[in-house]
Structure formats: structure tokens, C-alpha cells
Amino acid sequence: MSGKPPISRLAIGFYVVAVISFVALISPMLFLGRMGLAAGGAIGSVALTLMLQPILIALFGGVVQVLSDIRWAVSRKQEAAE
């Protein structure tokens, strides 16, 4: 083992997915402006909700993975101390 948590790249992947999803969510708003958002109406709000879900899931997954990595590091330190 290299001394690093075995799945730490997974957390980076979760955050990359969150950033890409956020950019995909924001870019139509930047190009369409207020008129585009107003024309979307209820459909726009449903689409916004559906697009926010992967971002939230990715962020939550990343946080869980980071906490898991911290727990792993603490347990490795305790094993090394014994």
C-alpha cells in the first residue's frame, strides 16, 4: 500500500462531476438571461430541480468519501502507534 487512502480519487471524481453539472446548469442561464428563464416558467423550475440533484448527490458523495478517508488515516495512525 502506498500510504494513501485506497479510494481517495473517488472523492475527486465526485467533485469533478459536481463542477461539470454546475457549469451545465449555469451556462444556459448566462446565455438566455432573464427572458430565457422567464419563458421557461414551470418547466424551467422542474429542469432546475432535476439538474440540481446530481450536483447535490455528487457533493454529498464527495463529503462522505473525504470523511471515510479521514477515518482511514486515523485508523492507520493508531495501528502505526501500536
N, C-alpha and C. Protein backbone atom coordinates (compact mmCIF):
# COMPACT_ATOMS: atom_id res chain seq x y z
N MET A 1 0.85 -1.20 0.00
CA MET A 1 0.00 0.00 0.00
C MET A 1 0.88 1.25 0.00
N SER A 2 0.45 2.27 -0.67
CA SER A 2 1.30 3.45 -0.85
C SER A 2 1.18 4.45 0.30
N GLY A 3 0.36 4.17 1.29
CA GLY A 3 0.22 5.08 2.41
C GLY A 3 -0.89 6.09 2.22
N LYS A 4 -1.60 6.00 1.10
CA LYS A 4 -2.73 6.90 0.86
C LYS A 4 -4.02 6.09 0.93
N PRO A 5 -5.13 6.74 1.21
CA PRO A 5 -6.40 6.02 1.22
C PRO A 5 -6.65 5.38 -0.15
N PRO A 6 -7.17 4.17 -0.17
CA PRO A 6 -7.30 3.45 -1.43
C PRO A 6 -8.29 4.07 -2.42
N ILE A 7 -9.27 4.82 -1.94
CA ILE A 7 -10.29 5.32 -2.85
C ILE A 7 -10.32 6.85 -2.87
N SER A 8 -9.23 7.51 -2.57
CA SER A 8 -9.26 8.97 -2.47
C SER A 8 -9.55 9.63 -3.83
N ARG A 9 -9.23 8.95 -4.93
CA ARG A 9 -9.52 9.52 -6.25
C ARG A 9 -11.02 9.61 -6.50
N LEU A 10 -11.78 8.76 -5.82
CA LEU A 10 -13.23 8.78 -5.97
C LEU A 10 -13.80 10.11 -5.52
N ALA A 11 -13.28 10.67 -4.44
CA ALA A 11 -13.76 11.97 -3.96
C ALA A 11 -13.50 13.05 -5.00
N ILE A 12 -12.32 13.01 -5.63
CA ILE A 12 -12.02 13.99 -6.67
C ILE A 12 -13.00 13.83 -7.82
N GLY A 13 -13.32 12.59 -8.18
CA GLY A 13 -14.28 12.34 -9.25
C GLY A 13 -15.65 12.91 -8.93
N PHE A 14 -16.09 12.76 -7.68
CA PHE A 14 -17.38 13.31 -7.27
C PHE A 14 -17.40 14.82 -7.45
N TYR A 15 -16.32 15.49 -7.03
CA TYR A 15 -16.29 16.95 -7.15
C TYR A 15 -16.20 17.40 -8.60
N VAL A 16 -15.50 16.65 -9.46
CA VAL A 16 -15.44 16.98 -10.88
C VAL A 16 -16.84 16.89 -11.49
N VAL A 17 -17.58 15.83 -11.14
CA VAL A 17 -18.95 15.69 -11.63
C VAL A 17 -19.81 16.86 -11.16
N ALA A 18 -19.64 17.28 -9.91
CA ALA A 18 -20.42 18.39 -9.39
C ALA A 18 -20.11 19.68 -10.14
N VAL A 19 -18.84 19.94 -10.41
CA VAL A 19 -18.47 21.17 -11.13
C VAL A 19 -19.01 21.15 -12.55
N ILE A 20 -18.88 20.02 -13.23
CA ILE A 20 -19.39 19.92 -14.61
C ILE A 20 -20.90 20.11 -14.63
N SER A 21 -21.60 19.50 -13.68
CA SER A 21 -23.06 19.65 -13.62
C SER A 21 -23.44 21.10 -13.35
N PHE A 22 -22.68 21.77 -12.47
CA PHE A 22 -22.98 23.16 -12.15
C PHE A 22 -22.78 24.05 -13.37
N VAL A 23 -21.69 23.82 -14.11
CA VAL A 23 -21.45 24.61 -15.33
C VAL A 23 -22.55 24.36 -16.35
N ALA A 24 -22.97 23.10 -16.50
CA ALA A 24 -24.05 22.78 -17.43
C ALA A 24 -25.35 23.44 -17.00
N LEU A 25 -25.54 23.61 -15.71
CA LEU A 25 -26.76 24.24 -15.20
C LEU A 25 -26.73 25.75 -15.41
N ILE A 26 -25.58 26.37 -15.20
CA ILE A 26 -25.48 27.83 -15.24
C ILE A 26 -25.37 28.38 -16.66
N SER A 27 -24.69 27.66 -17.57
CA SER A 27 -24.43 28.23 -18.89
C SER A 27 -25.69 28.63 -19.67
N PRO A 28 -26.78 27.85 -19.68
CA PRO A 28 -27.98 28.34 -20.39
C PRO A 28 -28.53 29.63 -19.78
N MET A 29 -28.42 29.75 -18.46
CA MET A 29 -28.92 30.95 -17.80
C MET A 29 -28.10 32.17 -18.22
N LEU A 30 -26.81 31.98 -18.37
CA LEU A 30 -25.95 33.10 -18.77
C LEU A 30 -26.27 33.54 -20.20
N PHE A 31 -26.54 32.57 -21.08
CA PHE A 31 -26.78 32.92 -22.48
C PHE A 31 -28.20 33.43 -22.70
N LEU A 32 -29.18 32.87 -21.99
CA LEU A 32 -30.57 33.26 -22.22
C LEU A 32 -30.96 34.48 -21.40
N GLY A 33 -30.33 34.68 -20.28
CA GLY A 33 -30.65 35.82 -19.45
C GLY A 33 -32.01 35.69 -18.79
N ARG A 34 -32.55 36.81 -18.36
CA ARG A 34 -33.83 36.79 -17.63
C ARG A 34 -34.98 36.38 -18.53
N MET A 35 -34.96 36.79 -19.79
CA MET A 35 -36.05 36.41 -20.70
C MET A 35 -36.13 34.90 -20.85
N GLY A 36 -34.98 34.28 -20.98
CA GLY A 36 -34.96 32.83 -21.14
C GLY A 36 -35.49 32.11 -19.91
N LEU A 37 -35.13 32.61 -18.74
CA LEU A 37 -35.61 31.99 -17.52
C LEU A 37 -37.11 32.23 -17.33
N ALA A 38 -37.57 33.42 -17.66
CA ALA A 38 -39.00 33.71 -17.52
C ALA A 38 -39.82 32.88 -18.50
N ALA A 39 -39.31 32.70 -19.72
CA ALA A 39 -40.04 31.91 -20.71
C ALA A 39 -40.12 30.45 -20.29
N GLY A 40 -39.11 29.99 -19.54
CA GLY A 40 -39.12 28.60 -19.11
C GLY A 40 -40.25 28.30 -18.15
N GLY A 41 -40.54 29.23 -17.25
CA GLY A 41 -41.63 29.06 -16.30
C GLY A 41 -41.50 27.81 -15.46
N ALA A 42 -42.61 27.08 -15.36
CA ALA A 42 -42.64 25.87 -14.53
C ALA A 42 -41.71 24.80 -15.07
N ILE A 43 -41.61 24.71 -16.40
CA ILE A 43 -40.72 23.71 -16.99
C ILE A 43 -39.28 23.99 -16.56
N GLY A 44 -38.92 25.27 -16.55
CA GLY A 44 -37.57 25.65 -16.13
C GLY A 44 -37.29 25.28 -14.69
N SER A 45 -38.28 25.47 -13.82
CA SER A 45 -38.06 25.14 -12.40
C SER A 45 -37.93 23.64 -12.20
N VAL A 46 -38.71 22.86 -12.95
CA VAL A 46 -38.59 21.40 -12.85
C VAL A 46 -37.22 20.96 -13.36
N ALA A 47 -36.79 21.54 -14.49
CA ALA A 47 -35.48 21.19 -15.04
C ALA A 47 -34.37 21.59 -14.06
N LEU A 48 -34.54 22.75 -13.42
CA LEU A 48 -33.55 23.21 -12.45
C LEU A 48 -33.44 22.21 -11.30
N THR A 49 -34.59 21.76 -10.82
CA THR A 49 -34.60 20.79 -9.72
C THR A 49 -33.93 19.49 -10.13
N LEU A 50 -34.25 19.02 -11.35
CA LEU A 50 -33.67 17.77 -11.82
C LEU A 50 -32.17 17.90 -12.04
N MET A 51 -31.70 19.08 -12.44
CA MET A 51 -30.27 19.26 -12.67
C MET A 51 -29.51 19.48 -11.37
N LEU A 52 -30.19 19.97 -10.35
CA LEU A 52 -29.51 20.17 -9.06
C LEU A 52 -29.27 18.86 -8.33
N GLN A 53 -30.11 17.86 -8.60
CA GLN A 53 -29.97 16.59 -7.89
C GLN A 53 -28.61 15.94 -8.09
N PRO A 54 -28.10 15.82 -9.36
CA PRO A 54 -26.77 15.20 -9.48
C PRO A 54 -25.68 16.01 -8.79
N ILE A 55 -25.83 17.33 -8.78
CA ILE A 55 -24.83 18.17 -8.11
C ILE A 55 -24.82 17.87 -6.62
N LEU A 56 -26.00 17.82 -6.02
CA LEU A 56 -26.09 17.55 -4.59
C LEU A 56 -25.62 16.15 -4.25
N ILE A 57 -25.99 15.18 -5.10
CA ILE A 57 -25.55 13.80 -4.87
C ILE A 57 -24.04 13.70 -4.96
N ALA A 58 -23.46 14.38 -5.96
CA ALA A 58 -22.00 14.33 -6.13
C ALA A 58 -21.29 14.99 -4.96
N LEU A 59 -21.81 16.13 -4.50
CA LEU A 59 -21.18 16.81 -3.36
C LEU A 59 -21.29 15.96 -2.10
N PHE A 60 -22.47 15.37 -1.88
CA PHE A 60 -22.67 14.52 -0.71
C PHE A 60 -21.73 13.32 -0.77
N GLY A 61 -21.64 12.70 -1.95
CA GLY A 61 -20.74 11.56 -2.11
C GLY A 61 -19.29 11.94 -1.86
N GLY A 62 -18.91 13.12 -2.33
CA GLY A 62 -17.54 13.58 -2.10
C GLY A 62 -17.26 13.82 -0.63
N VAL A 63 -18.21 14.42 0.07
CA VAL A 63 -18.04 14.68 1.51
C VAL A 63 -17.94 13.36 2.26
N VAL A 64 -18.81 12.41 1.92
CA VAL A 64 -18.77 11.10 2.58
C VAL A 64 -17.43 10.42 2.33
N GLN A 65 -16.93 10.52 1.09
CA GLN A 65 -15.64 9.89 0.77
C GLN A 65 -14.49 10.55 1.53
N VAL A 66 -14.52 11.87 1.64
CA VAL A 66 -13.46 12.57 2.39
C VAL A 66 -13.50 12.15 3.86
N LEU A 67 -14.70 12.07 4.44
CA LEU A 67 -14.81 11.63 5.83
C LEU A 67 -14.29 10.20 5.99
N SER A 68 -14.59 9.36 5.01
CA SER A 68 -14.10 7.99 5.04
C SER A 68 -12.57 7.96 4.96
N ASP A 69 -12.00 8.82 4.12
CA ASP A 69 -10.54 8.90 4.02
C ASP A 69 -9.92 9.35 5.33
N ILE A 70 -10.57 10.30 6.01
CA ILE A 70 -10.06 10.79 7.29
C ILE A 70 -10.09 9.65 8.32
N ARG A 71 -11.20 8.91 8.35
CA ARG A 71 -11.31 7.78 9.28
C ARG A 71 -10.22 6.75 9.00
N TRP A 72 -9.98 6.50 7.71
CA TRP A 72 -8.96 5.54 7.31
C TRP A 72 -7.58 6.00 7.79
N ALA A 73 -7.29 7.29 7.60
CA ALA A 73 -5.98 7.83 8.01
C ALA A 73 -5.80 7.74 9.52
N VAL A 74 -6.86 8.03 10.27
CA VAL A 74 -6.78 7.96 11.74
C VAL A 74 -6.54 6.52 12.18
N SER A 75 -7.22 5.58 11.56
CA SER A 75 -7.02 4.18 11.95
C SER A 75 -5.61 3.71 11.59
N ARG A 76 -5.07 4.19 10.47
CA ARG A 76 -3.69 3.84 10.11
C ARG A 76 -2.70 4.40 11.13
N LYS A 77 -2.96 5.63 11.59
CA LYS A 77 -2.08 6.24 12.60
C LYS A 77 -2.12 5.44 13.89
N GLN A 78 -3.32 5.02 14.28
CA GLN A 78 -3.45 4.24 15.52
C GLN A 78 -2.74 2.90 15.39
N GLU A 79 -2.85 2.27 14.22
CA GLU A 79 -2.17 1.00 14.01
C GLU A 79 -0.66 1.19 14.06
N ALA A 80 -0.17 2.28 13.50
CA ALA A 80 1.26 2.55 13.49
C ALA A 80 1.77 2.84 14.90
N ALA A 81 0.92 3.45 15.74
CA ALA A 81 1.32 3.80 17.09
C ALA A 81 1.40 2.56 17.99
N GLU A 82 0.65 1.53 17.63
CA GLU A 82 0.63 0.32 18.48
C GLU A 82 1.77 -0.59 18.26
